[in-house]
Amino acid sequence: MTKTFLKVNTYPKNEEILDENIEYVIIVSRYQGKWIYVQHKERDTWELPWWHREIWESVLDGAKRELFEETWATKYDIMHIGYWSLVNDEWIQSFGAIFSAEIFELGKKPDSEISKIDFFDDIPKETTYPNVHPIIHKMEIEYKDITYNGVVIEESLENTEILEELDISNTKIAPVTERHKTPWITQWTMHTVDISEDKVENIANKLSKSLDSKHNWYADFKNNHSHYIIFHNKVFQVDRTKKEEYDNVTKYGINLGIPDYQLDFSGFIVNK
């Protein structure tokens, strides 16, 4: 079964679209360099994870729930990249949010409406919404080609003024456990940040000088091609197709005493 719409539009993230008008979320997700598409139990066509918003959920919380239910993702990075609108055959316009997710671990299949998932190098031929997926894909690729996304832990900073220069899209607070290996603090305040390509080198250098000089931390942000991994007074710019460059970063971090599980970049390597 396929369905087309009279009109499909996309809008940048800074477009003033009221949260209350967001009815849908669509998620473009990758796992090990391939696109994830899902198949609904009642359809034999493929589609991106697509969610009709519940009134009690925030857009981000709904996107995370849907990502797990439809792709079985248990460990991932997710970012809001823009908006979209649909005009149906009755000329009614609906708005939605577009998210991009990079998935590192998949869990067991939950009880959901999805019968199976699969991994593709390109958009599948048989899709449920043939005039939606190419437009959403194009926006996601263009956005992530020029925008870096990552996490900065506030407690890792000796000078927090750098936060004022960052576009923070989400903040999560996690209590410190033994696994974190940071017993001198009680929590991690993790800011998800978006950085434009023209600012990334300057931000990376400033962040390197702002990191705690007494304890060993790192921050990182990446786009589709490049990955900045930042230690105190040391910045690595890694080509995401080159495993050996990630290996150099891992070796450097381990020599500083950072736990090896925090330096596992295998999920970030992409195929040429």
Protein backbone atom coordinates (compact mmCIF):
# COMPACT_ATOMS: atom_id res chain seq x y z
CA MET A 1 0.00 0.00 0.00
CA THR A 2 1.33 3.43 -0.93
CA LYS A 3 0.06 6.91 -0.20
CA THR A 4 1.02 10.21 -1.80
CA PHE A 5 0.33 13.75 -0.64
CA LEU A 6 -0.52 16.81 -2.67
CA LYS A 7 2.37 18.76 -1.21
CA VAL A 8 5.36 18.09 1.05
CA ASN A 9 7.46 20.95 2.44
CA THR A 10 10.45 21.13 4.77
CA TYR A 11 11.52 23.99 7.05
CA PRO A 12 14.73 24.78 8.99
CA LYS A 13 14.93 24.17 12.72
CA ASN A 14 14.80 27.89 13.49
CA GLU A 15 11.44 28.27 11.73
CA GLU A 16 8.80 29.57 14.16
CA ILE A 17 6.40 26.62 14.22
CA LEU A 18 4.43 26.34 17.44
CA ASP A 19 4.99 23.19 19.45
CA GLU A 20 1.23 22.72 19.77
CA ASN A 21 0.98 22.46 15.96
CA ILE A 22 3.38 19.51 15.72
CA GLU A 23 1.27 16.44 14.99
CA TYR A 24 3.88 14.05 13.63
CA VAL A 25 7.52 13.07 14.04
CA ILE A 26 9.60 11.31 11.40
CA ILE A 27 13.05 9.90 12.18
CA VAL A 28 15.85 9.33 9.68
CA SER A 29 18.09 6.77 11.36
CA ARG A 30 21.34 5.01 10.52
CA TYR A 31 22.95 1.88 11.90
CA GLN A 32 26.48 0.92 10.86
CA GLY A 33 26.30 3.31 7.91
CA LYS A 34 22.97 2.05 6.55
CA TRP A 35 19.50 3.59 6.62
CA ILE A 36 16.91 1.83 8.77
CA TYR A 37 13.47 1.34 7.26
CA VAL A 38 10.61 -0.44 8.97
CA GLN A 39 7.61 -2.46 7.84
CA HIS A 40 4.22 -2.16 9.52
CA LYS A 41 2.34 -5.37 10.32
CA GLU A 42 -0.54 -4.29 8.04
CA ARG A 43 1.65 -3.21 5.08
CA ASP A 44 4.21 -4.78 2.78
CA THR A 45 5.97 -1.48 1.98
CA TRP A 46 8.86 0.23 3.74
CA GLU A 47 8.80 3.49 5.67
CA LEU A 48 10.86 5.63 7.99
CA PRO A 49 9.90 5.50 11.68
CA TRP A 50 6.85 7.74 11.81
CA TRP A 51 4.91 8.74 14.90
CA HIS A 52 1.61 10.49 15.49
CA ARG A 53 2.14 12.65 18.53
CA GLU A 54 0.41 11.84 21.79
CA ILE A 55 -0.84 14.93 23.61
CA TRP A 56 0.95 14.06 26.86
CA GLU A 57 4.40 13.69 25.28
CA SER A 58 7.02 16.24 24.38
CA VAL A 59 8.23 15.99 20.81
CA LEU A 60 11.67 14.72 21.88
CA ASP A 61 10.30 12.15 24.34
CA GLY A 62 7.95 10.86 21.68
CA ALA A 63 10.75 10.61 19.15
CA LYS A 64 12.88 8.58 21.57
CA ARG A 65 9.99 6.25 22.39
CA GLU A 66 9.18 5.76 18.73
CA LEU A 67 12.81 5.12 17.86
CA PHE A 68 12.93 2.24 20.33
CA GLU A 69 9.54 0.81 19.43
CA GLU A 70 10.10 0.92 15.68
CA THR A 71 13.86 0.32 15.26
CA TRP A 72 14.64 -1.40 18.60
CA ALA A 73 17.41 1.11 19.27
CA THR A 74 18.77 1.05 22.81
CA LYS A 75 21.86 3.27 22.41
CA TYR A 76 21.87 6.22 20.03
CA ASP A 77 22.37 9.91 19.39
CA ILE A 78 19.27 11.79 18.29
CA MET A 79 18.89 15.37 17.13
CA HIS A 80 16.08 17.61 15.96
CA ILE A 81 16.97 18.97 12.51
CA GLY A 82 13.85 20.70 11.22
CA TYR A 83 10.16 20.54 10.38
CA TRP A 84 7.94 19.32 7.58
CA SER A 85 4.36 19.74 6.45
CA LEU A 86 1.95 17.64 4.45
CA VAL A 87 -1.09 18.66 2.42
CA ASN A 88 -3.53 15.78 1.98
CA ASP A 89 -6.13 15.26 -0.75
CA GLU A 90 -8.61 17.37 1.23
CA TRP A 91 -6.11 20.27 1.22
CA ILE A 92 -5.58 20.02 4.97
CA GLN A 93 -2.06 20.91 6.09
CA SER A 94 -0.37 19.10 8.99
CA PHE A 95 3.02 19.86 10.57
CA GLY A 96 5.66 17.53 11.93
CA ALA A 97 9.20 17.51 13.32
CA ILE A 98 12.16 15.81 11.65
CA PHE A 99 14.77 14.00 13.73
CA SER A 100 18.03 12.34 12.78
CA ALA A 101 19.36 9.39 14.79
CA GLU A 102 22.64 7.53 14.75
CA ILE A 103 22.10 4.13 16.35
CA PHE A 104 24.91 2.24 18.08
CA GLU A 105 23.07 -0.69 19.67
CA LEU A 106 19.87 -2.59 18.85
CA GLY A 107 17.93 -4.51 21.48
CA LYS A 108 15.24 -7.15 21.34
CA LYS A 109 12.10 -6.53 19.30
CA PRO A 110 9.47 -4.88 21.52
CA ASP A 111 5.73 -5.46 21.25
CA SER A 112 4.77 -2.90 18.60
CA GLU A 113 3.02 -2.44 15.27
CA ILE A 114 6.28 -3.06 13.39
CA SER A 115 6.78 -6.54 11.92
CA LYS A 116 10.42 -6.13 10.83
CA ILE A 117 13.23 -3.71 10.11
CA ASP A 118 15.93 -3.77 7.44
CA PHE A 119 19.04 -1.84 6.45
CA PHE A 120 19.50 -0.04 3.13
CA ASP A 121 22.21 1.85 1.26
CA ASP A 122 19.53 3.96 -0.40
CA ILE A 123 15.79 4.57 -0.21
CA PRO A 124 13.95 1.26 -0.84
CA LYS A 125 11.99 0.96 -4.07
CA GLU A 126 8.68 0.07 -2.40
CA THR A 127 7.91 2.75 0.19
CA THR A 128 4.64 3.61 1.86
CA TYR A 129 5.01 7.34 1.19
CA PRO A 130 6.96 7.66 -2.08
CA ASN A 131 6.82 11.45 -2.32
CA VAL A 132 7.78 11.98 1.34
CA HIS A 133 10.92 9.92 1.90
CA PRO A 134 13.17 11.49 -0.79
CA ILE A 135 12.41 14.99 0.50
CA ILE A 136 13.05 14.09 4.15
CA HIS A 137 16.25 12.23 3.25
CA LYS A 138 17.56 15.18 1.23
CA MET A 139 17.01 17.58 4.11
CA GLU A 140 18.68 15.26 6.63
CA ILE A 141 21.74 14.68 4.45
CA GLU A 142 22.18 18.39 3.70
CA TYR A 143 21.77 19.31 7.37
CA LYS A 144 24.27 16.74 8.66
CA ASP A 145 26.78 17.54 5.94
CA ILE A 146 27.21 21.05 7.33
CA THR A 147 26.12 20.77 10.99
CA TYR A 148 28.06 19.12 13.79
CA ASN A 149 26.19 17.51 16.67
CA GLY A 150 27.53 16.21 19.95
CA VAL A 151 27.53 16.37 23.73
CA VAL A 152 29.36 18.63 26.17
CA ILE A 153 29.32 17.67 29.87
CA GLU A 154 29.08 20.82 31.94
CA GLU A 155 31.01 19.34 34.87
CA SER A 156 33.96 18.72 32.53
CA LEU A 157 34.46 22.44 32.05
CA GLU A 158 36.84 24.58 34.07
CA ASN A 159 35.41 27.63 32.32
CA THR A 160 31.69 27.37 31.53
CA GLU A 161 31.57 30.60 29.50
CA ILE A 162 31.95 28.48 26.33
CA LEU A 163 28.39 27.24 26.87
CA GLU A 164 27.10 30.70 25.97
CA GLU A 165 28.50 30.23 22.45
CA LEU A 166 26.82 26.85 21.89
CA ASP A 167 23.42 26.08 20.45
CA ILE A 168 22.10 23.70 23.12
CA SER A 169 19.18 21.65 21.85
CA ASN A 170 18.70 19.35 24.85
CA THR A 171 20.03 18.85 28.39
CA LYS A 172 20.02 15.62 30.38
CA ILE A 173 21.19 15.17 33.98
CA ALA A 174 22.47 11.77 35.06
CA PRO A 175 23.58 10.83 38.60
CA VAL A 176 27.17 9.67 38.83
CA THR A 177 27.73 5.94 39.32
CA GLU A 178 30.91 3.94 39.81
CA ARG A 179 30.96 3.27 36.08
CA HIS A 180 31.41 6.98 35.34
CA LYS A 181 34.77 7.01 37.20
CA THR A 182 34.20 10.60 38.39
CA PRO A 183 33.70 10.30 42.18
CA TRP A 184 34.55 13.98 42.81
CA ILE A 185 31.16 15.07 41.38
CA THR A 186 27.57 13.88 41.93
CA GLN A 187 26.08 14.29 38.46
CA TRP A 188 26.76 14.73 34.75
CA THR A 189 24.90 17.58 33.07
CA MET A 190 25.00 16.58 29.41
CA HIS A 191 24.22 19.29 26.85
CA THR A 192 23.44 18.20 23.29
CA VAL A 193 24.84 20.86 20.97
CA ASP A 194 24.60 21.79 17.29
CA ILE A 195 27.53 23.67 15.71
CA SER A 196 27.67 25.08 12.20
CA GLU A 197 30.57 24.14 9.95
CA ASP A 198 31.93 27.68 9.81
CA LYS A 199 32.26 27.82 13.62
CA VAL A 200 33.33 24.29 14.50
CA GLU A 201 37.11 24.73 14.43
CA ASN A 202 36.98 27.86 16.59
CA ILE A 203 34.58 26.23 19.06
CA ALA A 204 36.75 23.10 19.26
CA ASN A 205 39.85 25.14 20.12
CA LYS A 206 38.02 27.22 22.73
CA LEU A 207 36.47 24.11 24.26
CA SER A 208 39.88 22.46 24.49
CA LYS A 209 41.14 25.37 26.57
CA SER A 210 37.97 25.33 28.71
CA LEU A 211 38.10 21.67 29.76
CA ASP A 212 39.08 20.73 33.31
CA SER A 213 42.86 20.72 33.61
CA LYS A 214 42.89 18.59 36.77
CA HIS A 215 40.82 15.65 35.49
CA ASN A 216 40.79 13.92 32.14
CA TRP A 217 37.66 14.52 30.07
CA TYR A 218 36.79 14.84 26.43
CA ALA A 219 33.97 16.35 24.39
CA ASP A 220 33.03 15.49 20.84
CA PHE A 221 30.81 16.48 17.94
CA LYS A 222 30.48 15.14 14.41
CA ASN A 223 28.75 15.52 11.08
CA ASN A 224 28.42 12.97 8.26
CA HIS A 225 32.11 13.16 7.37
CA SER A 226 34.20 14.51 10.21
CA HIS A 227 34.43 13.96 13.97
CA TYR A 228 36.03 16.43 16.40
CA ILE A 229 37.22 14.76 19.62
CA ILE A 230 38.50 17.29 22.11
CA PHE A 231 40.71 16.83 25.17
CA HIS A 232 42.31 19.49 27.35
CA ASN A 233 44.75 21.33 25.06
CA LYS A 234 44.41 18.65 22.36
CA VAL A 235 42.01 18.49 19.42
CA PHE A 236 41.61 15.57 17.02
CA GLN A 237 39.73 16.01 13.74
CA VAL A 238 38.96 12.49 12.56
CA ASP A 239 37.93 11.40 9.08
CA ARG A 240 34.99 9.12 9.85
CA THR A 241 36.01 6.64 7.14
CA LYS A 242 39.42 6.00 8.73
CA LYS A 243 39.51 3.53 11.61
CA GLU A 244 43.20 4.18 12.21
CA GLU A 245 42.49 7.81 13.09
CA TYR A 246 39.95 6.70 15.70
CA ASP A 247 42.51 4.20 17.02
CA ASN A 248 44.95 7.09 17.60
CA VAL A 249 42.31 8.93 19.65
CA THR A 250 41.51 5.84 21.70
CA LYS A 251 45.20 5.27 22.46
CA TYR A 252 45.62 8.91 23.51
CA GLY A 253 42.58 8.78 25.81
CA ILE A 254 43.60 5.49 27.44
CA ASN A 255 47.06 6.93 28.15
CA LEU A 256 45.29 9.73 30.02
CA GLY A 257 43.43 7.19 32.14
CA ILE A 258 40.00 7.53 30.54
CA PRO A 259 38.06 4.20 30.75
CA ASP A 260 38.27 2.28 27.49
CA TYR A 261 34.49 1.84 27.27
CA GLN A 262 34.19 5.62 27.01
CA LEU A 263 36.59 5.56 24.05
CA ASP A 264 34.78 3.04 21.89
CA PHE A 265 34.23 4.87 18.59
CA SER A 266 33.50 1.78 16.48
CA GLY A 267 29.87 2.83 15.96
CA PHE A 268 30.95 6.12 14.38
CA ILE A 269 33.02 4.68 11.53
CA VAL A 270 31.28 5.02 8.16
CA ASN A 271 31.89 3.25 4.88
CA LYS A 272 33.43 5.21 2.02
